[in-house]
Structures are given as C-alpha cells and as structure tokens.
Amino acid sequence: MEDAIQILGAVLILTAFVAAQRGAMSPQAPRYLWLNLAGSGVLAVIAAAHADWGFLLLEGVWAIVSGWGLIGLARGRVATKVP
C-alpha cells in the first residue's frame, strides 16, 4: 500500500511538471502549486518515516516552497517571471 501512495505522490508532481513543460499549466497557477504541495508532502512523509534524510530534504523544501507560493497567491501577490 505504501508503494501505491508513493507512486501517487510522484505522479502528482510529474503531472504538474509535464503540464508546465507543454505549456498547459503555468508554474504560478494554483493548480500547479497544489499538485506539487500534495505530491511532495506525501513523499516527504514517507521519506521521514524511513529516515531517508536526503529525500526528506528535497521533498520537504519542495513542499515548503509550493506552500509559500500558495500563501503568496492567497495574499494577492502576483507572481513574477524571471526573464
């Protein structure tokens, strides 16, 4: 069961990534950020449970940055694109 949850987390992140690469979703879009937050959150919890510190660092920061982006959007911040 844990493997299925882990795969789901990865699929959520990869769905957002592929959509952004194809131009179907903006990396500043709430849906993109939610997919990344959910997927990385799932993977971070699994990494913590297995004391996989490098993976926890990666996924934990990924979740924090995604959450930070969502908070910014909720506060009315308009995302800026880097040239």
PDB file of N, CA and C in Angstrom:
ATOM      1  N   MET A   1       0.828  -1.201   0.000  1.00  0.00           N
ATOM      2  CA  MET A   1       0.000   0.000   0.000  1.00  0.00           C
ATOM      3  C   MET A   1       0.869   1.260   0.000  1.00  0.00           C
ATOM      4  N   GLU A   2       1.962   1.212   0.764  1.00  0.00           N
ATOM      5  CA  GLU A   2       2.846   2.382   0.817  1.00  0.00           C
ATOM      6  C   GLU A   2       3.433   2.693  -0.557  1.00  0.00           C
ATOM      7  N   ASP A   3       3.752   1.654  -1.316  1.00  0.00           N
ATOM      8  CA  ASP A   3       4.292   1.869  -2.663  1.00  0.00           C
ATOM      9  C   ASP A   3       3.282   2.602  -3.541  1.00  0.00           C
ATOM     10  N   ALA A   4       2.018   2.244  -3.438  1.00  0.00           N
ATOM     11  CA  ALA A   4       0.985   2.900  -4.240  1.00  0.00           C
ATOM     12  C   ALA A   4       0.860   4.376  -3.853  1.00  0.00           C
ATOM     13  N   ILE A   5       0.953   4.685  -2.573  1.00  0.00           N
ATOM     14  CA  ILE A   5       0.879   6.075  -2.108  1.00  0.00           C
ATOM     15  C   ILE A   5       2.099   6.853  -2.597  1.00  0.00           C
ATOM     16  N   GLN A   6       3.263   6.216  -2.538  1.00  0.00           N
ATOM     17  CA  GLN A   6       4.488   6.849  -3.007  1.00  0.00           C
ATOM     18  C   GLN A   6       4.398   7.139  -4.514  1.00  0.00           C
ATOM     19  N   ILE A   7       3.888   6.204  -5.271  1.00  0.00           N
ATOM     20  CA  ILE A   7       3.724   6.408  -6.714  1.00  0.00           C
ATOM     21  C   ILE A   7       2.727   7.525  -6.981  1.00  0.00           C
ATOM     22  N   LEU A   8       1.652   7.586  -6.212  1.00  0.00           N
ATOM     23  CA  LEU A   8       0.675   8.659  -6.362  1.00  0.00           C
ATOM     24  C   LEU A   8       1.338  10.019  -6.133  1.00  0.00           C
ATOM     25  N   GLY A   9       2.152  10.132  -5.091  1.00  0.00           N
ATOM     26  CA  GLY A   9       2.856  11.387  -4.831  1.00  0.00           C
ATOM     27  C   GLY A   9       3.733  11.791  -6.003  1.00  0.00           C
ATOM     28  N   ALA A  10       4.465  10.838  -6.540  1.00  0.00           N
ATOM     29  CA  ALA A  10       5.327  11.123  -7.682  1.00  0.00           C
ATOM     30  C   ALA A  10       4.504  11.514  -8.907  1.00  0.00           C
ATOM     31  N   VAL A  11       3.392  10.846  -9.133  1.00  0.00           N
ATOM     32  CA  VAL A  11       2.540  11.145 -10.288  1.00  0.00           C
ATOM     33  C   VAL A  11       1.973  12.566 -10.183  1.00  0.00           C
ATOM     34  N   LEU A  12       1.614  12.990  -8.987  1.00  0.00           N
ATOM     35  CA  LEU A  12       1.101  14.356  -8.818  1.00  0.00           C
ATOM     36  C   LEU A  12       2.148  15.384  -9.236  1.00  0.00           C
ATOM     37  N   ILE A  13       3.378  15.216  -8.763  1.00  0.00           N
ATOM     38  CA  ILE A  13       4.454  16.142  -9.108  1.00  0.00           C
ATOM     39  C   ILE A  13       4.738  16.089 -10.607  1.00  0.00           C
ATOM     40  N   LEU A  14       4.816  14.888 -11.138  1.00  0.00           N
ATOM     41  CA  LEU A  14       5.140  14.740 -12.557  1.00  0.00           C
ATOM     42  C   LEU A  14       4.033  15.273 -13.462  1.00  0.00           C
ATOM     43  N   THR A  15       2.788  15.165 -13.038  1.00  0.00           N
ATOM     44  CA  THR A  15       1.675  15.714 -13.812  1.00  0.00           C
ATOM     45  C   THR A  15       1.828  17.221 -13.951  1.00  0.00           C
ATOM     46  N   ALA A  16       2.125  17.888 -12.841  1.00  0.00           N
ATOM     47  CA  ALA A  16       2.325  19.337 -12.879  1.00  0.00           C
ATOM     48  C   ALA A  16       3.520  19.695 -13.757  1.00  0.00           C
ATOM     49  N   PHE A  17       4.602  18.952 -13.622  1.00  0.00           N
ATOM     50  CA  PHE A  17       5.818  19.234 -14.389  1.00  0.00           C
ATOM     51  C   PHE A  17       5.578  19.080 -15.889  1.00  0.00           C
ATOM     52  N   VAL A  18       4.968  17.984 -16.287  1.00  0.00           N
ATOM     53  CA  VAL A  18       4.703  17.742 -17.709  1.00  0.00           C
ATOM     54  C   VAL A  18       3.753  18.809 -18.263  1.00  0.00           C
ATOM     55  N   ALA A  19       2.722  19.148 -17.502  1.00  0.00           N
ATOM     56  CA  ALA A  19       1.776  20.167 -17.958  1.00  0.00           C
ATOM     57  C   ALA A  19       2.476  21.517 -18.139  1.00  0.00           C
ATOM     58  N   ALA A  20       3.363  21.861 -17.227  1.00  0.00           N
ATOM     59  CA  ALA A  20       4.099  23.120 -17.345  1.00  0.00           C
ATOM     60  C   ALA A  20       5.030  23.095 -18.556  1.00  0.00           C
ATOM     61  N   GLN A  21       5.694  21.984 -18.786  1.00  0.00           N
ATOM     62  CA  GLN A  21       6.607  21.874 -19.919  1.00  0.00           C
ATOM     63  C   GLN A  21       5.877  21.950 -21.252  1.00  0.00           C
ATOM     64  N   ARG A  22       4.663  21.473 -21.273  1.00  0.00           N
ATOM     65  CA  ARG A  22       3.869  21.502 -22.511  1.00  0.00           C
ATOM     66  C   ARG A  22       3.133  22.824 -22.687  1.00  0.00           C
ATOM     67  N   GLY A  23       3.221  23.711 -21.703  1.00  0.00           N
ATOM     68  CA  GLY A  23       2.542  24.997 -21.775  1.00  0.00           C
ATOM     69  C   GLY A  23       1.078  24.936 -21.410  1.00  0.00           C
ATOM     70  N   ALA A  24       0.645  23.807 -20.857  1.00  0.00           N
ATOM     71  CA  ALA A  24      -0.761  23.634 -20.492  1.00  0.00           C
ATOM     72  C   ALA A  24      -1.066  24.164 -19.097  1.00  0.00           C
ATOM     73  N   MET A  25      -0.029  24.458 -18.314  1.00  0.00           N
ATOM     74  CA  MET A  25      -0.230  24.934 -16.949  1.00  0.00           C
ATOM     75  C   MET A  25       0.942  25.841 -16.592  1.00  0.00           C
ATOM     76  N   SER A  26       0.628  26.957 -15.984  1.00  0.00           N
ATOM     77  CA  SER A  26       1.673  27.881 -15.546  1.00  0.00           C
ATOM     78  C   SER A  26       2.243  27.420 -14.204  1.00  0.00           C
ATOM     79  N   PRO A  27       3.558  27.534 -14.023  1.00  0.00           N
ATOM     80  CA  PRO A  27       4.139  27.191 -12.727  1.00  0.00           C
ATOM     81  C   PRO A  27       3.669  28.112 -11.594  1.00  0.00           C
ATOM     82  N   GLN A  28       3.029  29.207 -11.938  1.00  0.00           N
ATOM     83  CA  GLN A  28       2.477  30.107 -10.917  1.00  0.00           C
ATOM     84  C   GLN A  28       0.995  29.840 -10.652  1.00  0.00           C
ATOM     85  N   ALA A  29       0.405  28.890 -11.357  1.00  0.00           N
ATOM     86  CA  ALA A  29      -1.021  28.597 -11.207  1.00  0.00           C
ATOM     87  C   ALA A  29      -1.280  27.852  -9.902  1.00  0.00           C
ATOM     88  N   PRO A  30      -2.388  28.162  -9.255  1.00  0.00           N
ATOM     89  CA  PRO A  30      -2.714  27.450  -8.015  1.00  0.00           C
ATOM     90  C   PRO A  30      -2.753  25.926  -8.193  1.00  0.00           C
ATOM     91  N   ARG A  31      -3.286  25.458  -9.290  1.00  0.00           N
ATOM     92  CA  ARG A  31      -3.377  24.014  -9.518  1.00  0.00           C
ATOM     93  C   ARG A  31      -1.985  23.381  -9.563  1.00  0.00           C
ATOM     94  N   TYR A  32      -1.050  24.050 -10.223  1.00  0.00           N
ATOM     95  CA  TYR A  32       0.334  23.577 -10.284  1.00  0.00           C
ATOM     96  C   TYR A  32       0.926  23.482  -8.870  1.00  0.00           C
ATOM     97  N   LEU A  33       0.735  24.544  -8.098  1.00  0.00           N
ATOM     98  CA  LEU A  33       1.283  24.575  -6.744  1.00  0.00           C
ATOM     99  C   LEU A  33       0.628  23.533  -5.842  1.00  0.00           C
ATOM    100  N   TRP A  34      -0.684  23.346  -5.972  1.00  0.00           N
ATOM    101  CA  TRP A  34      -1.370  22.323  -5.166  1.00  0.00           C
ATOM    102  C   TRP A  34      -0.886  20.919  -5.512  1.00  0.00           C
ATOM    103  N   LEU A  35      -0.715  20.638  -6.794  1.00  0.00           N
ATOM    104  CA  LEU A  35      -0.213  19.317  -7.190  1.00  0.00           C
ATOM    105  C   LEU A  35       1.175  19.073  -6.608  1.00  0.00           C
ATOM    106  N   ASN A  36       2.026  20.096  -6.663  1.00  0.00           N
ATOM    107  CA  ASN A  36       3.368  19.961  -6.113  1.00  0.00           C
ATOM    108  C   ASN A  36       3.348  19.831  -4.598  1.00  0.00           C
ATOM    109  N   LEU A  37       2.509  20.608  -3.937  1.00  0.00           N
ATOM    110  CA  LEU A  37       2.418  20.530  -2.473  1.00  0.00           C
ATOM    111  C   LEU A  37       1.928  19.158  -2.033  1.00  0.00           C
ATOM    112  N   ALA A  38       0.880  18.663  -2.674  1.00  0.00           N
ATOM    113  CA  ALA A  38       0.333  17.351  -2.299  1.00  0.00           C
ATOM    114  C   ALA A  38       1.338  16.239  -2.567  1.00  0.00           C
ATOM    115  N   GLY A  39       1.915  16.244  -3.750  1.00  0.00           N
ATOM    116  CA  GLY A  39       2.861  15.186  -4.105  1.00  0.00           C
ATOM    117  C   GLY A  39       4.106  15.201  -3.250  1.00  0.00           C
ATOM    118  N   SER A  40       4.699  16.374  -3.074  1.00  0.00           N
ATOM    119  CA  SER A  40       5.919  16.450  -2.274  1.00  0.00           C
ATOM    120  C   SER A  40       5.629  16.221  -0.796  1.00  0.00           C
ATOM    121  N   GLY A  41       4.461  16.606  -0.338  1.00  0.00           N
ATOM    122  CA  GLY A  41       4.092  16.341   1.056  1.00  0.00           C
ATOM    123  C   GLY A  41       3.999  14.851   1.343  1.00  0.00           C
ATOM    124  N   VAL A  42       3.357  14.133   0.447  1.00  0.00           N
ATOM    125  CA  VAL A  42       3.258  12.672   0.579  1.00  0.00           C
ATOM    126  C   VAL A  42       4.652  12.044   0.605  1.00  0.00           C
ATOM    127  N   LEU A  43       5.487  12.447  -0.347  1.00  0.00           N
ATOM    128  CA  LEU A  43       6.824  11.866  -0.430  1.00  0.00           C
ATOM    129  C   LEU A  43       7.694  12.265   0.765  1.00  0.00           C
ATOM    130  N   ALA A  44       7.512  13.463   1.291  1.00  0.00           N
ATOM    131  CA  ALA A  44       8.270  13.896   2.467  1.00  0.00           C
ATOM    132  C   ALA A  44       7.899  13.066   3.695  1.00  0.00           C
ATOM    133  N   VAL A  45       6.629  12.782   3.859  1.00  0.00           N
ATOM    134  CA  VAL A  45       6.191  11.969   4.998  1.00  0.00           C
ATOM    135  C   VAL A  45       6.789  10.568   4.902  1.00  0.00           C
ATOM    136  N   ILE A  46       6.768  10.002   3.724  1.00  0.00           N
ATOM    137  CA  ILE A  46       7.339   8.663   3.534  1.00  0.00           C
ATOM    138  C   ILE A  46       8.850   8.693   3.781  1.00  0.00           C
ATOM    139  N   ALA A  47       9.520   9.729   3.281  1.00  0.00           N
ATOM    140  CA  ALA A  47      10.961   9.849   3.499  1.00  0.00           C
ATOM    141  C   ALA A  47      11.286   9.972   4.981  1.00  0.00           C
ATOM    142  N   ALA A  48      10.490  10.737   5.716  1.00  0.00           N
ATOM    143  CA  ALA A  48      10.710  10.887   7.161  1.00  0.00           C
ATOM    144  C   ALA A  48      10.509   9.564   7.885  1.00  0.00           C
ATOM    145  N   ALA A  49       9.498   8.833   7.487  1.00  0.00           N
ATOM    146  CA  ALA A  49       9.210   7.543   8.129  1.00  0.00           C
ATOM    147  C   ALA A  49      10.344   6.542   7.936  1.00  0.00           C
ATOM    148  N   HIS A  50      11.085   6.699   6.853  1.00  0.00           N
ATOM    149  CA  HIS A  50      12.178   5.774   6.549  1.00  0.00           C
ATOM    150  C   HIS A  50      13.552   6.367   6.845  1.00  0.00           C
ATOM    151  N   ALA A  51      13.562   7.540   7.482  1.00  0.00           N
ATOM    152  CA  ALA A  51      14.808   8.238   7.814  1.00  0.00           C
ATOM    153  C   ALA A  51      15.699   8.399   6.584  1.00  0.00           C
ATOM    154  N   ASP A  52      15.088   8.742   5.468  1.00  0.00           N
ATOM    155  CA  ASP A  52      15.799   8.978   4.219  1.00  0.00           C
ATOM    156  C   ASP A  52      16.024  10.488   4.111  1.00  0.00           C
ATOM    157  N   TRP A  53      17.095  10.962   4.749  1.00  0.00           N
ATOM    158  CA  TRP A  53      17.286  12.390   5.000  1.00  0.00           C
ATOM    159  C   TRP A  53      17.477  13.228   3.738  1.00  0.00           C
ATOM    160  N   GLY A  54      18.199  12.731   2.769  1.00  0.00           N
ATOM    161  CA  GLY A  54      18.377  13.486   1.524  1.00  0.00           C
ATOM    162  C   GLY A  54      17.064  13.669   0.788  1.00  0.00           C
ATOM    163  N   PHE A  55      16.290  12.607   0.716  1.00  0.00           N
ATOM    164  CA  PHE A  55      14.992  12.658   0.054  1.00  0.00           C
ATOM    165  C   PHE A  55      14.029  13.538   0.848  1.00  0.00           C
ATOM    166  N   LEU A  56      14.100  13.470   2.169  1.00  0.00           N
ATOM    167  CA  LEU A  56      13.264  14.325   3.011  1.00  0.00           C
ATOM    168  C   LEU A  56      13.603  15.790   2.786  1.00  0.00           C
ATOM    169  N   LEU A  57      14.894  16.111   2.689  1.00  0.00           N
ATOM    170  CA  LEU A  57      15.297  17.489   2.426  1.00  0.00           C
ATOM    171  C   LEU A  57      14.720  17.969   1.099  1.00  0.00           C
ATOM    172  N   LEU A  58      14.884  17.182   0.057  1.00  0.00           N
ATOM    173  CA  LEU A  58      14.375  17.554  -1.260  1.00  0.00           C
ATOM    174  C   LEU A  58      12.868  17.768  -1.238  1.00  0.00           C
ATOM    175  N   GLU A  59      12.145  16.786  -0.767  1.00  0.00           N
ATOM    176  CA  GLU A  59      10.677  16.857  -0.807  1.00  0.00           C
ATOM    177  C   GLU A  59      10.117  17.844   0.213  1.00  0.00           C
ATOM    178  N   GLY A  60      10.778  17.956   1.362  1.00  0.00           N
ATOM    179  CA  GLY A  60      10.333  18.923   2.367  1.00  0.00           C
ATOM    180  C   GLY A  60      10.444  20.350   1.864  1.00  0.00           C
ATOM    181  N   VAL A  61      11.583  20.675   1.260  1.00  0.00           N
ATOM    182  CA  VAL A  61      11.757  22.019   0.703  1.00  0.00           C
ATOM    183  C   VAL A  61      10.788  22.242  -0.449  1.00  0.00           C
ATOM    184  N   TRP A  62      10.594  21.222  -1.268  1.00  0.00           N
ATOM    185  CA  TRP A  62       9.652  21.324  -2.386  1.00  0.00           C
ATOM    186  C   TRP A  62       8.246  21.668  -1.858  1.00  0.00           C
ATOM    187  N   ALA A  63       7.837  20.996  -0.798  1.00  0.00           N
ATOM    188  CA  ALA A  63       6.518  21.257  -0.211  1.00  0.00           C
ATOM    189  C   ALA A  63       6.451  22.664   0.386  1.00  0.00           C
ATOM    190  N   ILE A  64       7.502  23.072   1.076  1.00  0.00           N
ATOM    191  CA  ILE A  64       7.518  24.406   1.689  1.00  0.00           C
ATOM    192  C   ILE A  64       7.432  25.493   0.631  1.00  0.00           C
ATOM    193  N   VAL A  65       8.207  25.358  -0.430  1.00  0.00           N
ATOM    194  CA  VAL A  65       8.194  26.369  -1.493  1.00  0.00           C
ATOM    195  C   VAL A  65       6.828  26.405  -2.181  1.00  0.00           C
ATOM    196  N   SER A  66       6.233  25.256  -2.415  1.00  0.00           N
ATOM    197  CA  SER A  66       4.900  25.214  -3.025  1.00  0.00           C
ATOM    198  C   SER A  66       3.870  25.864  -2.110  1.00  0.00           C
ATOM    199  N   GLY A  67       3.942  25.549  -0.829  1.00  0.00           N
ATOM    200  CA  GLY A  67       3.035  26.163   0.140  1.00  0.00           C
ATOM    201  C   GLY A  67       3.227  27.665   0.226  1.00  0.00           C
ATOM    202  N   TRP A  68       4.469  28.101   0.185  1.00  0.00           N
ATOM    203  CA  TRP A  68       4.787  29.524   0.215  1.00  0.00           C
ATOM    204  C   TRP A  68       4.179  30.220  -1.004  1.00  0.00           C
ATOM    205  N   GLY A  69       4.270  29.579  -2.161  1.00  0.00           N
ATOM    206  CA  GLY A  69       3.666  30.136  -3.366  1.00  0.00           C
ATOM    207  C   GLY A  69       2.157  30.267  -3.243  1.00  0.00           C
ATOM    208  N   LEU A  70       1.521  29.255  -2.651  1.00  0.00           N
ATOM    209  CA  LEU A  70       0.066  29.312  -2.456  1.00  0.00           C
ATOM    210  C   LEU A  70      -0.328  30.405  -1.472  1.00  0.00           C
ATOM    211  N   ILE A  71       0.456  30.578  -0.429  1.00  0.00           N
ATOM    212  CA  ILE A  71       0.181  31.643   0.541  1.00  0.00           C
ATOM    213  C   ILE A  71       0.304  33.004  -0.142  1.00  0.00           C
ATOM    214  N   GLY A  72       1.340  33.152  -0.964  1.00  0.00           N
ATOM    215  CA  GLY A  72       1.501  34.399  -1.703  1.00  0.00           C
ATOM    216  C   GLY A  72       0.323  34.686  -2.610  1.00  0.00           C
ATOM    217  N   LEU A  73      -0.162  33.673  -3.301  1.00  0.00           N
ATOM    218  CA  LEU A  73      -1.333  33.854  -4.167  1.00  0.00           C
ATOM    219  C   LEU A  73      -2.568  34.222  -3.345  1.00  0.00           C
ATOM    220  N   ALA A  74      -2.737  33.591  -2.195  1.00  0.00           N
ATOM    221  CA  ALA A  74      -3.891  33.883  -1.341  1.00  0.00           C
ATOM    222  C   ALA A  74      -3.853  35.315  -0.823  1.00  0.00           C
ATOM    223  N   ARG A  75      -2.649  35.840  -0.668  1.00  0.00           N
ATOM    224  CA  ARG A  75      -2.491  37.226  -0.206  1.00  0.00           C
ATOM    225  C   ARG A  75      -2.565  38.232  -1.343  1.00  0.00           C
ATOM    226  N   GLY A  76      -2.774  37.748  -2.550  1.00  0.00           N
ATOM    227  CA  GLY A  76      -2.920  38.626  -3.692  1.00  0.00           C
ATOM    228  C   GLY A  76      -1.625  38.975  -4.398  1.00  0.00           C
ATOM    229  N   ARG A  77      -0.561  38.293  -4.060  1.00  0.00           N
ATOM    230  CA  ARG A  77       0.714  38.538  -4.722  1.00  0.00           C
ATOM    231  C   ARG A  77       0.646  37.990  -6.140  1.00  0.00           C
ATOM    232  N   VAL A  78       1.086  38.792  -7.059  1.00  0.00           N
ATOM    233  CA  VAL A  78       1.155  38.360  -8.445  1.00  0.00           C
ATOM    234  C   VAL A  78       2.557  37.828  -8.679  1.00  0.00           C
ATOM    235  N   ALA A  79       2.658  36.607  -9.150  1.00  0.00           N
ATOM    236  CA  ALA A  79       3.957  36.001  -9.405  1.00  0.00           C
ATOM    237  C   ALA A  79       4.645  36.709 -10.555  1.00  0.00           C
ATOM    238  N   THR A  80       5.934  36.893 -10.410  1.00  0.00           N
ATOM    239  CA  THR A  80       6.713  37.492 -11.490  1.00  0.00           C
ATOM    240  C   THR A  80       7.536  36.426 -12.150  1.00  0.00           C
ATOM    241  N   LYS A  81       7.723  36.578 -13.420  1.00  0.00           N
ATOM    242  CA  LYS A  81       8.521  35.603 -14.174  1.00  0.00           C
ATOM    243  C   LYS A  81       9.941  36.118 -14.281  1.00  0.00           C
ATOM    244  N   VAL A  82      10.875  35.208 -14.184  1.00  0.00           N
ATOM    245  CA  VAL A  82      12.273  35.543 -14.356  1.00  0.00           C
ATOM    246  C   VAL A  82      12.570  35.554 -15.847  1.00  0.00           C
ATOM    247  N   PRO A  83      13.224  36.615 -16.334  1.00  0.00           N
ATOM    248  CA  PRO A  83      13.499  36.673 -17.781  1.00  0.00           C
ATOM    249  C   PRO A  83      14.432  35.581 -18.236  1.00  0.00           C
TER     250      PRO A  83
END
